[in-house]
Amino acid sequence: MTVFLVEDSPLLRERLSAMLSGIPASVLVGYAETAKDAIEGIVEKKPDVVVLDLSLKDSNGFDVLRAIRTRAPSADAYVLTNHPIEGFRKVAERLGAKGFFDKSTEFDKLRELLKHRAAGAAA
């Protein structure tokens, strides 16, 4: 399972990278801090999974979701945010997000989902 991270916090990117390295059959293929770089990287790398923050330096994760829905439709996006507002969840789902997680309380849920997905991809 290939993964692309979209996160503008170096500390969280490091934590997510460490989490992914502990999942057998998962490979981090790139990361971006901005929506523009994320869209370009996702289109170029064609990952299986995108882990996406909503708050980015130049825009927001919704713009990334809109772009990958048409430019990289095979990538499954999972939102990991500090803003777990129900309205944001609904917009993310409408734009194609496969999951929506609160950074503060659901980090482990995302890890377990990705672990399960990677195990299925490796089988």
PDB file of N, CA and C in Angstrom:
ATOM      1  N   MET A   1       0.853  -1.174   0.000  1.00  0.00           N
ATOM      2  CA  MET A   1       0.000   0.000   0.000  1.00  0.00           C
ATOM      3  C   MET A   1       0.897   1.235   0.000  1.00  0.00           C
ATOM      4  N   THR A   2       0.734   2.078  -0.977  1.00  0.00           N
ATOM      5  CA  THR A   2       1.503   3.319  -1.044  1.00  0.00           C
ATOM      6  C   THR A   2       0.684   4.458  -0.446  1.00  0.00           C
ATOM      7  N   VAL A   3       1.387   5.342   0.274  1.00  0.00           N
ATOM      8  CA  VAL A   3       0.712   6.417   1.011  1.00  0.00           C
ATOM      9  C   VAL A   3       1.392   7.743   0.724  1.00  0.00           C
ATOM     10  N   PHE A   4       0.564   8.768   0.553  1.00  0.00           N
ATOM     11  CA  PHE A   4       1.035  10.148   0.392  1.00  0.00           C
ATOM     12  C   PHE A   4       0.452  10.950   1.550  1.00  0.00           C
ATOM     13  N   LEU A   5       1.294  11.700   2.278  1.00  0.00           N
ATOM     14  CA  LEU A   5       0.849  12.516   3.414  1.00  0.00           C
ATOM     15  C   LEU A   5       0.699  13.970   2.999  1.00  0.00           C
ATOM     16  N   VAL A   6      -0.394  14.571   3.422  1.00  0.00           N
ATOM     17  CA  VAL A   6      -0.598  16.001   3.207  1.00  0.00           C
ATOM     18  C   VAL A   6      -0.797  16.607   4.594  1.00  0.00           C
ATOM     19  N   GLU A   7       0.288  17.201   5.108  1.00  0.00           N
ATOM     20  CA  GLU A   7       0.307  17.733   6.472  1.00  0.00           C
ATOM     21  C   GLU A   7       1.340  18.841   6.542  1.00  0.00           C
ATOM     22  N   ASP A   8       0.948  20.016   7.033  1.00  0.00           N
ATOM     23  CA  ASP A   8       1.891  21.126   7.075  1.00  0.00           C
ATOM     24  C   ASP A   8       2.675  21.220   8.383  1.00  0.00           C
ATOM     25  N   SER A   9       2.367  20.419   9.364  1.00  0.00           N
ATOM     26  CA  SER A   9       3.102  20.413  10.627  1.00  0.00           C
ATOM     27  C   SER A   9       4.239  19.375  10.549  1.00  0.00           C
ATOM     28  N   PRO A  10       5.503  19.824  10.633  1.00  0.00           N
ATOM     29  CA  PRO A  10       6.611  18.870  10.598  1.00  0.00           C
ATOM     30  C   PRO A  10       6.514  17.818  11.711  1.00  0.00           C
ATOM     31  N   LEU A  11       6.084  18.209  12.887  1.00  0.00           N
ATOM     32  CA  LEU A  11       5.968  17.268  13.995  1.00  0.00           C
ATOM     33  C   LEU A  11       4.940  16.179  13.694  1.00  0.00           C
ATOM     34  N   LEU A  12       3.782  16.561  13.185  1.00  0.00           N
ATOM     35  CA  LEU A  12       2.754  15.572  12.847  1.00  0.00           C
ATOM     36  C   LEU A  12       3.166  14.713  11.653  1.00  0.00           C
ATOM     37  N   ARG A  13       3.848  15.312  10.694  1.00  0.00           N
ATOM     38  CA  ARG A  13       4.346  14.538   9.547  1.00  0.00           C
ATOM     39  C   ARG A  13       5.309  13.461  10.042  1.00  0.00           C
ATOM     40  N   GLU A  14       6.171  13.837  10.976  1.00  0.00           N
ATOM     41  CA  GLU A  14       7.123  12.878  11.544  1.00  0.00           C
ATOM     42  C   GLU A  14       6.376  11.757  12.279  1.00  0.00           C
ATOM     43  N   ARG A  15       5.379  12.129  13.051  1.00  0.00           N
ATOM     44  CA  ARG A  15       4.596  11.125  13.787  1.00  0.00           C
ATOM     45  C   ARG A  15       3.860  10.193  12.818  1.00  0.00           C
ATOM     46  N   LEU A  16       3.269  10.760  11.774  1.00  0.00           N
ATOM     47  CA  LEU A  16       2.560   9.939  10.778  1.00  0.00           C
ATOM     48  C   LEU A  16       3.530   9.031  10.025  1.00  0.00           C
ATOM     49  N   SER A  17       4.704   9.559   9.690  1.00  0.00           N
ATOM     50  CA  SER A  17       5.710   8.736   9.004  1.00  0.00           C
ATOM     51  C   SER A  17       6.133   7.562   9.877  1.00  0.00           C
ATOM     52  N   ALA A  18       6.329   7.824  11.169  1.00  0.00           N
ATOM     53  CA  ALA A  18       6.703   6.752  12.095  1.00  0.00           C
ATOM     54  C   ALA A  18       5.587   5.723  12.203  1.00  0.00           C
ATOM     55  N   MET A  19       4.360   6.192  12.259  1.00  0.00           N
ATOM     56  CA  MET A  19       3.207   5.288  12.322  1.00  0.00           C
ATOM     57  C   MET A  19       3.160   4.401  11.081  1.00  0.00           C
ATOM     58  N   LEU A  20       3.368   4.985   9.924  1.00  0.00           N
ATOM     59  CA  LEU A  20       3.325   4.217   8.678  1.00  0.00           C
ATOM     60  C   LEU A  20       4.468   3.221   8.582  1.00  0.00           C
ATOM     61  N   SER A  21       5.638   3.591   9.092  1.00  0.00           N
ATOM     62  CA  SER A  21       6.769   2.673   9.021  1.00  0.00           C
ATOM     63  C   SER A  21       6.536   1.430   9.877  1.00  0.00           C
ATOM     64  N   GLY A  22       5.628   1.524  10.833  1.00  0.00           N
ATOM     65  CA  GLY A  22       5.287   0.370  11.661  1.00  0.00           C
ATOM     66  C   GLY A  22       4.211  -0.516  11.069  1.00  0.00           C
ATOM     67  N   ILE A  23       3.722  -0.173   9.902  1.00  0.00           N
ATOM     68  CA  ILE A  23       2.685  -0.965   9.236  1.00  0.00           C
ATOM     69  C   ILE A  23       3.335  -1.762   8.102  1.00  0.00           C
ATOM     70  N   PRO A  24       3.394  -3.099   8.250  1.00  0.00           N
ATOM     71  CA  PRO A  24       3.959  -3.903   7.166  1.00  0.00           C
ATOM     72  C   PRO A  24       3.202  -3.661   5.856  1.00  0.00           C
ATOM     73  N   ALA A  25       3.916  -3.676   4.774  1.00  0.00           N
ATOM     74  CA  ALA A  25       3.354  -3.519   3.425  1.00  0.00           C
ATOM     75  C   ALA A  25       2.872  -2.106   3.136  1.00  0.00           C
ATOM     76  N   SER A  26       3.282  -1.119   3.943  1.00  0.00           N
ATOM     77  CA  SER A  26       2.956   0.267   3.611  1.00  0.00           C
ATOM     78  C   SER A  26       4.245   1.020   3.293  1.00  0.00           C
ATOM     79  N   VAL A  27       4.162   1.889   2.296  1.00  0.00           N
ATOM     80  CA  VAL A  27       5.325   2.652   1.849  1.00  0.00           C
ATOM     81  C   VAL A  27       4.905   4.100   1.674  1.00  0.00           C
ATOM     82  N   LEU A  28       5.615   4.997   2.333  1.00  0.00           N
ATOM     83  CA  LEU A  28       5.383   6.421   2.160  1.00  0.00           C
ATOM     84  C   LEU A  28       6.062   6.850   0.868  1.00  0.00           C
ATOM     85  N   VAL A  29       5.261   7.346  -0.088  1.00  0.00           N
ATOM     86  CA  VAL A  29       5.819   7.720  -1.395  1.00  0.00           C
ATOM     87  C   VAL A  29       5.990   9.218  -1.562  1.00  0.00           C
ATOM     88  N   GLY A  30       5.501   9.996  -0.592  1.00  0.00           N
ATOM     89  CA  GLY A  30       5.673  11.441  -0.683  1.00  0.00           C
ATOM     90  C   GLY A  30       4.859  12.162   0.359  1.00  0.00           C
ATOM     91  N   TYR A  31       5.162  13.459   0.480  1.00  0.00           N
ATOM     92  CA  TYR A  31       4.380  14.306   1.371  1.00  0.00           C
ATOM     93  C   TYR A  31       4.371  15.721   0.825  1.00  0.00           C
ATOM     94  N   ALA A  32       3.414  16.501   1.299  1.00  0.00           N
ATOM     95  CA  ALA A  32       3.310  17.892   0.891  1.00  0.00           C
ATOM     96  C   ALA A  32       2.764  18.711   2.042  1.00  0.00           C
ATOM     97  N   GLU A  33       3.129  20.004   2.046  1.00  0.00           N
ATOM     98  CA  GLU A  33       2.651  20.943   3.047  1.00  0.00           C
ATOM     99  C   GLU A  33       1.570  21.866   2.508  1.00  0.00           C
ATOM    100  N   THR A  34       1.463  21.951   1.190  1.00  0.00           N
ATOM    101  CA  THR A  34       0.498  22.851   0.562  1.00  0.00           C
ATOM    102  C   THR A  34      -0.432  22.062  -0.360  1.00  0.00           C
ATOM    103  N   ALA A  35      -1.575  22.639  -0.630  1.00  0.00           N
ATOM    104  CA  ALA A  35      -2.532  21.990  -1.531  1.00  0.00           C
ATOM    105  C   ALA A  35      -1.933  21.835  -2.926  1.00  0.00           C
ATOM    106  N   LYS A  36      -1.265  22.861  -3.399  1.00  0.00           N
ATOM    107  CA  LYS A  36      -0.668  22.815  -4.740  1.00  0.00           C
ATOM    108  C   LYS A  36       0.335  21.665  -4.846  1.00  0.00           C
ATOM    109  N   ASP A  37       1.253  21.583  -3.882  1.00  0.00           N
ATOM    110  CA  ASP A  37       2.254  20.514  -3.901  1.00  0.00           C
ATOM    111  C   ASP A  37       1.609  19.145  -3.705  1.00  0.00           C
ATOM    112  N   ALA A  38       0.556  19.098  -2.887  1.00  0.00           N
ATOM    113  CA  ALA A  38      -0.152  17.832  -2.655  1.00  0.00           C
ATOM    114  C   ALA A  38      -0.768  17.318  -3.951  1.00  0.00           C
ATOM    115  N   ILE A  39      -1.475  18.163  -4.638  1.00  0.00           N
ATOM    116  CA  ILE A  39      -2.146  17.749  -5.880  1.00  0.00           C
ATOM    117  C   ILE A  39      -1.111  17.266  -6.903  1.00  0.00           C
ATOM    118  N   GLU A  40      -0.032  18.032  -7.068  1.00  0.00           N
ATOM    119  CA  GLU A  40       1.009  17.637  -8.016  1.00  0.00           C
ATOM    120  C   GLU A  40       1.634  16.297  -7.612  1.00  0.00           C
ATOM    121  N   GLY A  41       1.946  16.144  -6.324  1.00  0.00           N
ATOM    122  CA  GLY A  41       2.574  14.914  -5.849  1.00  0.00           C
ATOM    123  C   GLY A  41       1.669  13.708  -5.965  1.00  0.00           C
ATOM    124  N   ILE A  42       0.407  13.884  -5.654  1.00  0.00           N
ATOM    125  CA  ILE A  42      -0.553  12.772  -5.728  1.00  0.00           C
ATOM    126  C   ILE A  42      -0.747  12.333  -7.177  1.00  0.00           C
ATOM    127  N   VAL A  43      -0.878  13.288  -8.068  1.00  0.00           N
ATOM    128  CA  VAL A  43      -1.045  12.957  -9.486  1.00  0.00           C
ATOM    129  C   VAL A  43       0.210  12.239 -10.006  1.00  0.00           C
ATOM    130  N   GLU A  44       1.377  12.705  -9.586  1.00  0.00           N
ATOM    131  CA  GLU A  44       2.627  12.096 -10.047  1.00  0.00           C
ATOM    132  C   GLU A  44       2.868  10.711  -9.441  1.00  0.00           C
ATOM    133  N   LYS A  45       2.690  10.573  -8.138  1.00  0.00           N
ATOM    134  CA  LYS A  45       3.038   9.328  -7.436  1.00  0.00           C
ATOM    135  C   LYS A  45       1.947   8.260  -7.496  1.00  0.00           C
ATOM    136  N   LYS A  46       0.707   8.665  -7.738  1.00  0.00           N
ATOM    137  CA  LYS A  46      -0.420   7.731  -7.833  1.00  0.00           C
ATOM    138  C   LYS A  46      -0.509   6.785  -6.618  1.00  0.00           C
ATOM    139  N   PRO A  47      -0.597   7.351  -5.398  1.00  0.00           N
ATOM    140  CA  PRO A  47      -0.654   6.494  -4.208  1.00  0.00           C
ATOM    141  C   PRO A  47      -1.997   5.779  -4.086  1.00  0.00           C
ATOM    142  N   ASP A  48      -1.990   4.712  -3.301  1.00  0.00           N
ATOM    143  CA  ASP A  48      -3.238   4.029  -2.977  1.00  0.00           C
ATOM    144  C   ASP A  48      -4.045   4.847  -1.979  1.00  0.00           C
ATOM    145  N   VAL A  49      -3.330   5.503  -1.056  1.00  0.00           N
ATOM    146  CA  VAL A  49      -3.952   6.212   0.059  1.00  0.00           C
ATOM    147  C   VAL A  49      -3.349   7.601   0.207  1.00  0.00           C
ATOM    148  N   VAL A  50      -4.211   8.561   0.527  1.00  0.00           N
ATOM    149  CA  VAL A  50      -3.780   9.915   0.879  1.00  0.00           C
ATOM    150  C   VAL A  50      -4.288  10.182   2.291  1.00  0.00           C
ATOM    151  N   VAL A  51      -3.369  10.560   3.187  1.00  0.00           N
ATOM    152  CA  VAL A  51      -3.753  11.010   4.531  1.00  0.00           C
ATOM    153  C   VAL A  51      -3.669  12.518   4.484  1.00  0.00           C
ATOM    154  N   LEU A  52      -4.796  13.177   4.744  1.00  0.00           N
ATOM    155  CA  LEU A  52      -4.967  14.582   4.407  1.00  0.00           C
ATOM    156  C   LEU A  52      -5.429  15.423   5.584  1.00  0.00           C
ATOM    157  N   ASP A  53      -4.678  16.476   5.873  1.00  0.00           N
ATOM    158  CA  ASP A  53      -5.095  17.481   6.850  1.00  0.00           C
ATOM    159  C   ASP A  53      -5.984  18.497   6.138  1.00  0.00           C
ATOM    160  N   LEU A  54      -6.919  19.076   6.862  1.00  0.00           N
ATOM    161  CA  LEU A  54      -7.778  20.099   6.255  1.00  0.00           C
ATOM    162  C   LEU A  54      -7.130  21.477   6.254  1.00  0.00           C
ATOM    163  N   SER A  55      -6.303  21.782   7.249  1.00  0.00           N
ATOM    164  CA  SER A  55      -5.665  23.101   7.353  1.00  0.00           C
ATOM    165  C   SER A  55      -4.277  23.034   6.738  1.00  0.00           C
ATOM    166  N   LEU A  56      -4.112  23.734   5.624  1.00  0.00           N
ATOM    167  CA  LEU A  56      -2.834  23.740   4.918  1.00  0.00           C
ATOM    168  C   LEU A  56      -2.329  25.171   4.779  1.00  0.00           C
ATOM    169  N   LYS A  57      -1.053  25.322   4.470  1.00  0.00           N
ATOM    170  CA  LYS A  57      -0.431  26.642   4.410  1.00  0.00           C
ATOM    171  C   LYS A  57      -1.061  27.555   3.352  1.00  0.00           C
ATOM    172  N   ASP A  58      -1.403  27.021   2.203  1.00  0.00           N
ATOM    173  CA  ASP A  58      -1.870  27.867   1.106  1.00  0.00           C
ATOM    174  C   ASP A  58      -3.352  27.735   0.805  1.00  0.00           C
ATOM    175  N   SER A  59      -4.013  26.782   1.415  1.00  0.00           N
ATOM    176  CA  SER A  59      -5.404  26.519   1.057  1.00  0.00           C
ATOM    177  C   SER A  59      -5.987  25.604   2.120  1.00  0.00           C
ATOM    178  N   ASN A  60      -6.773  24.614   1.657  1.00  0.00           N
ATOM    179  CA  ASN A  60      -7.334  23.647   2.593  1.00  0.00           C
ATOM    180  C   ASN A  60      -7.449  22.279   1.928  1.00  0.00           C
ATOM    181  N   GLY A  61      -7.683  21.281   2.759  1.00  0.00           N
ATOM    182  CA  GLY A  61      -7.778  19.923   2.258  1.00  0.00           C
ATOM    183  C   GLY A  61      -8.956  19.683   1.333  1.00  0.00           C
ATOM    184  N   PHE A  62      -9.987  20.500   1.439  1.00  0.00           N
ATOM    185  CA  PHE A  62     -11.138  20.328   0.553  1.00  0.00           C
ATOM    186  C   PHE A  62     -10.727  20.556  -0.900  1.00  0.00           C
ATOM    187  N   ASP A  63      -9.829  21.518  -1.125  1.00  0.00           N
ATOM    188  CA  ASP A  63      -9.346  21.749  -2.488  1.00  0.00           C
ATOM    189  C   ASP A  63      -8.588  20.525  -3.008  1.00  0.00           C
ATOM    190  N   VAL A  64      -7.839  19.878  -2.129  1.00  0.00           N
ATOM    191  CA  VAL A  64      -7.116  18.668  -2.520  1.00  0.00           C
ATOM    192  C   VAL A  64      -8.103  17.553  -2.840  1.00  0.00           C
ATOM    193  N   LEU A  65      -9.115  17.387  -2.001  1.00  0.00           N
ATOM    194  CA  LEU A  65     -10.137  16.358  -2.269  1.00  0.00           C
ATOM    195  C   LEU A  65     -10.812  16.582  -3.620  1.00  0.00           C
ATOM    196  N   ARG A  66     -11.159  17.826  -3.913  1.00  0.00           N
ATOM    197  CA  ARG A  66     -11.799  18.136  -5.201  1.00  0.00           C
ATOM    198  C   ARG A  66     -10.891  17.741  -6.365  1.00  0.00           C
ATOM    199  N   ALA A  67      -9.624  18.070  -6.237  1.00  0.00           N
ATOM    200  CA  ALA A  67      -8.689  17.804  -7.334  1.00  0.00           C
ATOM    201  C   ALA A  67      -8.431  16.317  -7.516  1.00  0.00           C
ATOM    202  N   ILE A  68      -8.217  15.593  -6.425  1.00  0.00           N
ATOM    203  CA  ILE A  68      -7.884  14.177  -6.608  1.00  0.00           C
ATOM    204  C   ILE A  68      -9.091  13.359  -7.024  1.00  0.00           C
ATOM    205  N   ARG A  69     -10.271  13.863  -6.733  1.00  0.00           N
ATOM    206  CA  ARG A  69     -11.476  13.151  -7.169  1.00  0.00           C
ATOM    207  C   ARG A  69     -11.499  13.014  -8.687  1.00  0.00           C
ATOM    208  N   THR A  70     -10.990  14.019  -9.385  1.00  0.00           N
ATOM    209  CA  THR A  70     -10.977  13.961 -10.857  1.00  0.00           C
ATOM    210  C   THR A  70      -9.617  13.601 -11.424  1.00  0.00           C
ATOM    211  N   ARG A  71      -8.517  14.006 -10.745  1.00  0.00           N
ATOM    212  CA  ARG A  71      -7.175  13.803 -11.307  1.00  0.00           C
ATOM    213  C   ARG A  71      -6.469  12.556 -10.805  1.00  0.00           C
ATOM    214  N   ALA A  72      -6.938  11.994  -9.689  1.00  0.00           N
ATOM    215  CA  ALA A  72      -6.340  10.760  -9.151  1.00  0.00           C
ATOM    216  C   ALA A  72      -7.422   9.947  -8.457  1.00  0.00           C
ATOM    217  N   PRO A  73      -8.446   9.545  -9.211  1.00  0.00           N
ATOM    218  CA  PRO A  73      -9.612   8.918  -8.598  1.00  0.00           C
ATOM    219  C   PRO A  73      -9.349   7.564  -7.930  1.00  0.00           C
ATOM    220  N   SER A  74      -8.225   6.931  -8.221  1.00  0.00           N
ATOM    221  CA  SER A  74      -7.947   5.633  -7.594  1.00  0.00           C
ATOM    222  C   SER A  74      -7.387   5.781  -6.180  1.00  0.00           C
ATOM    223  N   ALA A  75      -6.991   6.987  -5.800  1.00  0.00           N
ATOM    224  CA  ALA A  75      -6.453   7.230  -4.452  1.00  0.00           C
ATOM    225  C   ALA A  75      -7.600   7.394  -3.459  1.00  0.00           C
ATOM    226  N   ASP A  76      -7.520   6.671  -2.364  1.00  0.00           N
ATOM    227  CA  ASP A  76      -8.502   6.808  -1.290  1.00  0.00           C
ATOM    228  C   ASP A  76      -7.987   7.813  -0.280  1.00  0.00           C
ATOM    229  N   ALA A  77      -8.777   8.842   0.006  1.00  0.00           N
ATOM    230  CA  ALA A  77      -8.367   9.895   0.928  1.00  0.00           C
ATOM    231  C   ALA A  77      -8.992   9.680   2.299  1.00  0.00           C
ATOM    232  N   TYR A  78      -8.159   9.860   3.325  1.00  0.00           N
ATOM    233  CA  TYR A  78      -8.586   9.797   4.716  1.00  0.00           C
ATOM    234  C   TYR A  78      -8.188  11.117   5.365  1.00  0.00           C
ATOM    235  N   VAL A  79      -9.163  11.842   5.861  1.00  0.00           N
ATOM    236  CA  VAL A  79      -8.918  13.139   6.486  1.00  0.00           C
ATOM    237  C   VAL A  79      -8.540  12.916   7.941  1.00  0.00           C
ATOM    238  N   LEU A  80      -7.464  13.579   8.372  1.00  0.00           N
ATOM    239  CA  LEU A  80      -7.024  13.580   9.756  1.00  0.00           C
ATOM    240  C   LEU A  80      -6.888  15.043  10.149  1.00  0.00           C
ATOM    241  N   THR A  81      -7.759  15.522  11.039  1.00  0.00           N
ATOM    242  CA  THR A  81      -7.865  16.950  11.282  1.00  0.00           C
ATOM    243  C   THR A  81      -7.992  17.311  12.755  1.00  0.00           C
ATOM    244  N   ASN A  82      -7.636  18.539  13.069  1.00  0.00           N
ATOM    245  CA  ASN A  82      -7.888  19.115  14.392  1.00  0.00           C
ATOM    246  C   ASN A  82      -9.264  19.764  14.446  1.00  0.00           C
ATOM    247  N   HIS A  83      -9.989  19.715  13.350  1.00  0.00           N
ATOM    248  CA  HIS A  83     -11.299  20.353  13.242  1.00  0.00           C
ATOM    249  C   HIS A  83     -12.372  19.310  12.899  1.00  0.00           C
ATOM    250  N   PRO A  84     -12.696  18.437  13.860  1.00  0.00           N
ATOM    251  CA  PRO A  84     -13.649  17.353  13.573  1.00  0.00           C
ATOM    252  C   PRO A  84     -15.113  17.801  13.631  1.00  0.00           C
ATOM    253  N   ILE A  85     -15.399  18.872  12.951  1.00  0.00           N
ATOM    254  CA  ILE A  85     -16.744  19.453  12.924  1.00  0.00           C
ATOM    255  C   ILE A  85     -17.618  18.624  11.984  1.00  0.00           C
ATOM    256  N   GLU A  86     -18.823  18.345  12.409  1.00  0.00           N
ATOM    257  CA  GLU A  86     -19.721  17.500  11.609  1.00  0.00           C
ATOM    258  C   GLU A  86     -19.923  18.049  10.197  1.00  0.00           C
ATOM    259  N   GLY A  87     -20.039  19.359  10.069  1.00  0.00           N
ATOM    260  CA  GLY A  87     -20.188  19.957   8.741  1.00  0.00           C
ATOM    261  C   GLY A  87     -18.977  19.682   7.858  1.00  0.00           C
ATOM    262  N   PHE A  88     -17.786  19.747   8.435  1.00  0.00           N
ATOM    263  CA  PHE A  88     -16.568  19.427   7.679  1.00  0.00           C
ATOM    264  C   PHE A  88     -16.568  17.958   7.271  1.00  0.00           C
ATOM    265  N   ARG A  89     -17.008  17.097   8.186  1.00  0.00           N
ATOM    266  CA  ARG A  89     -17.080  15.661   7.881  1.00  0.00           C
ATOM    267  C   ARG A  89     -17.990  15.426   6.677  1.00  0.00           C
ATOM    268  N   LYS A  90     -19.141  16.067   6.669  1.00  0.00           N
ATOM    269  CA  LYS A  90     -20.095  15.873   5.574  1.00  0.00           C
ATOM    270  C   LYS A  90     -19.536  16.363   4.240  1.00  0.00           C
ATOM    271  N   VAL A  91     -18.872  17.521   4.272  1.00  0.00           N
ATOM    272  CA  VAL A  91     -18.272  18.041   3.037  1.00  0.00           C
ATOM    273  C   VAL A  91     -17.185  17.086   2.552  1.00  0.00           C
ATOM    274  N   ALA A  92     -16.335  16.626   3.469  1.00  0.00           N
ATOM    275  CA  ALA A  92     -15.252  15.706   3.093  1.00  0.00           C
ATOM    276  C   ALA A  92     -15.825  14.433   2.479  1.00  0.00           C
ATOM    277  N   GLU A  93     -16.840  13.881   3.086  1.00  0.00           N
ATOM    278  CA  GLU A  93     -17.454  12.668   2.540  1.00  0.00           C
ATOM    279  C   GLU A  93     -18.079  12.921   1.178  1.00  0.00           C
ATOM    280  N   ARG A  94     -18.734  14.060   1.030  1.00  0.00           N
ATOM    281  CA  ARG A  94     -19.334  14.408  -0.263  1.00  0.00           C
ATOM    282  C   ARG A  94     -18.265  14.552  -1.350  1.00  0.00           C
ATOM    283  N   LEU A  95     -17.069  14.995  -0.940  1.00  0.00           N
ATOM    284  CA  LEU A  95     -15.968  15.166  -1.895  1.00  0.00           C
ATOM    285  C   LEU A  95     -15.158  13.885  -2.089  1.00  0.00           C
ATOM    286  N   GLY A  96     -15.591  12.794  -1.444  1.00  0.00           N
ATOM    287  CA  GLY A  96     -14.979  11.502  -1.708  1.00  0.00           C
ATOM    288  C   GLY A  96     -14.086  10.932  -0.624  1.00  0.00           C
ATOM    289  N   ALA A  97     -13.942  11.598   0.508  1.00  0.00           N
ATOM    290  CA  ALA A  97     -13.106  11.050   1.582  1.00  0.00           C
ATOM    291  C   ALA A  97     -13.687   9.722   2.051  1.00  0.00           C
ATOM    292  N   LYS A  98     -12.815   8.747   2.254  1.00  0.00           N
ATOM    293  CA  LYS A  98     -13.233   7.414   2.718  1.00  0.00           C
ATOM    294  C   LYS A  98     -13.319   7.348   4.234  1.00  0.00           C
ATOM    295  N   GLY A  99     -12.713   8.323   4.916  1.00  0.00           N
ATOM    296  CA  GLY A  99     -12.748   8.365   6.370  1.00  0.00           C
ATOM    297  C   GLY A  99     -12.413   9.753   6.866  1.00  0.00           C
ATOM    298  N   PHE A 100     -12.809  10.048   8.094  1.00  0.00           N
ATOM    299  CA  PHE A 100     -12.634  11.373   8.683  1.00  0.00           C
ATOM    300  C   PHE A 100     -12.286  11.164  10.149  1.00  0.00           C
ATOM    301  N   PHE A 101     -11.080  11.591  10.561  1.00  0.00           N
ATOM    302  CA  PHE A 101     -10.577  11.288  11.893  1.00  0.00           C
ATOM    303  C   PHE A 101     -10.100  12.544  12.617  1.00  0.00           C
ATOM    304  N   ASP A 102     -10.347  12.573  13.921  1.00  0.00           N
ATOM    305  CA  ASP A 102      -9.899  13.643  14.801  1.00  0.00           C
ATOM    306  C   ASP A 102      -8.460  13.343  15.217  1.00  0.00           C
ATOM    307  N   LYS A 103      -7.541  14.285  14.977  1.00  0.00           N
ATOM    308  CA  LYS A 103      -6.138  14.075  15.331  1.00  0.00           C
ATOM    309  C   LYS A 103      -5.956  13.809  16.825  1.00  0.00           C
ATOM    310  N   SER A 104      -6.775  14.440  17.635  1.00  0.00           N
ATOM    311  CA  SER A 104      -6.608  14.343  19.088  1.00  0.00           C
ATOM    312  C   SER A 104      -7.083  13.016  19.664  1.00  0.00           C
ATOM    313  N   THR A 105      -8.133  12.452  19.092  1.00  0.00           N
ATOM    314  CA  THR A 105      -8.742  11.274  19.721  1.00  0.00           C
ATOM    315  C   THR A 105      -8.826  10.037  18.826  1.00  0.00           C
ATOM    316  N   GLU A 106      -8.567  10.171  17.526  1.00  0.00           N
ATOM    317  CA  GLU A 106      -8.772   9.041  16.619  1.00  0.00           C
ATOM    318  C   GLU A 106      -7.543   8.656  15.799  1.00  0.00           C
ATOM    319  N   PHE A 107      -6.372   9.111  16.229  1.00  0.00           N
ATOM    320  CA  PHE A 107      -5.127   8.776  15.529  1.00  0.00           C
ATOM    321  C   PHE A 107      -4.958   7.257  15.441  1.00  0.00           C
ATOM    322  N   ASP A 108      -5.216   6.579  16.553  1.00  0.00           N
ATOM    323  CA  ASP A 108      -5.067   5.121  16.580  1.00  0.00           C
ATOM    324  C   ASP A 108      -6.093   4.425  15.685  1.00  0.00           C
ATOM    325  N   LYS A 109      -7.279   5.000  15.564  1.00  0.00           N
ATOM    326  CA  LYS A 109      -8.288   4.419  14.662  1.00  0.00           C
ATOM    327  C   LYS A 109      -7.798   4.460  13.222  1.00  0.00           C
ATOM    328  N   LEU A 110      -7.193   5.580  12.836  1.00  0.00           N
ATOM    329  CA  LEU A 110      -6.653   5.686  11.482  1.00  0.00           C
ATOM    330  C   LEU A 110      -5.534   4.666  11.289  1.00  0.00           C
ATOM    331  N   ARG A 111      -4.641   4.533  12.266  1.00  0.00           N
ATOM    332  CA  ARG A 111      -3.559   3.552  12.178  1.00  0.00           C
ATOM    333  C   ARG A 111      -4.113   2.146  11.979  1.00  0.00           C
ATOM    334  N   GLU A 112      -5.125   1.784  12.749  1.00  0.00           N
ATOM    335  CA  GLU A 112      -5.710   0.447  12.628  1.00  0.00           C
ATOM    336  C   GLU A 112      -6.371   0.242  11.268  1.00  0.00           C
ATOM    337  N   LEU A 113      -7.049   1.245  10.773  1.00  0.00           N
ATOM    338  CA  LEU A 113      -7.673   1.157   9.444  1.00  0.00           C
ATOM    339  C   LEU A 113      -6.603   0.943   8.384  1.00  0.00           C
ATOM    340  N   LEU A 114      -5.524   1.721   8.443  1.00  0.00           N
ATOM    341  CA  LEU A 114      -4.467   1.595   7.441  1.00  0.00           C
ATOM    342  C   LEU A 114      -3.751   0.254   7.573  1.00  0.00           C
ATOM    343  N   LYS A 115      -3.562  -0.204   8.799  1.00  0.00           N
ATOM    344  CA  LYS A 115      -2.938  -1.512   9.018  1.00  0.00           C
ATOM    345  C   LYS A 115      -3.783  -2.608   8.391  1.00  0.00           C
ATOM    346  N   HIS A 116      -5.080  -2.555   8.621  1.00  0.00           N
ATOM    347  CA  HIS A 116      -5.998  -3.546   8.041  1.00  0.00           C
ATOM    348  C   HIS A 116      -5.990  -3.464   6.508  1.00  0.00           C
ATOM    349  N   ARG A 117      -6.007  -2.250   6.000  1.00  0.00           N
ATOM    350  CA  ARG A 117      -5.986  -2.067   4.547  1.00  0.00           C
ATOM    351  C   ARG A 117      -4.698  -2.597   3.937  1.00  0.00           C
ATOM    352  N   ALA A 118      -3.563  -2.296   4.567  1.00  0.00           N
ATOM    353  CA  ALA A 118      -2.282  -2.768   4.049  1.00  0.00           C
ATOM    354  C   ALA A 118      -2.212  -4.277   4.058  1.00  0.00           C
ATOM    355  N   ALA A 119      -2.746  -4.901   5.101  1.00  0.00           N
ATOM    356  CA  ALA A 119      -2.744  -6.367   5.190  1.00  0.00           C
ATOM    357  C   ALA A 119      -3.576  -6.954   4.056  1.00  0.00           C
ATOM    358  N   GLY A 120      -4.686  -6.318   3.733  1.00  0.00           N
ATOM    359  CA  GLY A 120      -5.529  -6.779   2.628  1.00  0.00           C
ATOM    360  C   GLY A 120      -4.863  -6.588   1.287  1.00  0.00           C
ATOM    361  N   ALA A 121      -4.115  -5.499   1.145  1.00  0.00           N
ATOM    362  CA  ALA A 121      -3.418  -5.216  -0.115  1.00  0.00           C
ATOM    363  C   ALA A 121      -2.270  -6.184  -0.327  1.00  0.00           C
ATOM    364  N   ALA A 122      -1.655  -6.629   0.786  1.00  0.00           N
ATOM    365  CA  ALA A 122      -0.506  -7.529   0.674  1.00  0.00           C
ATOM    366  C   ALA A 122      -0.929  -8.969   0.413  1.00  0.00           C
ATOM    367  N   ALA A 123      -2.182  -9.274   0.720  1.00  0.00           N
ATOM    368  CA  ALA A 123      -2.660 -10.666   0.570  1.00  0.00           C
ATOM    369  C   ALA A 123      -2.879 -11.039  -0.878  1.00  0.00           C
TER     370      ALA A 123
END
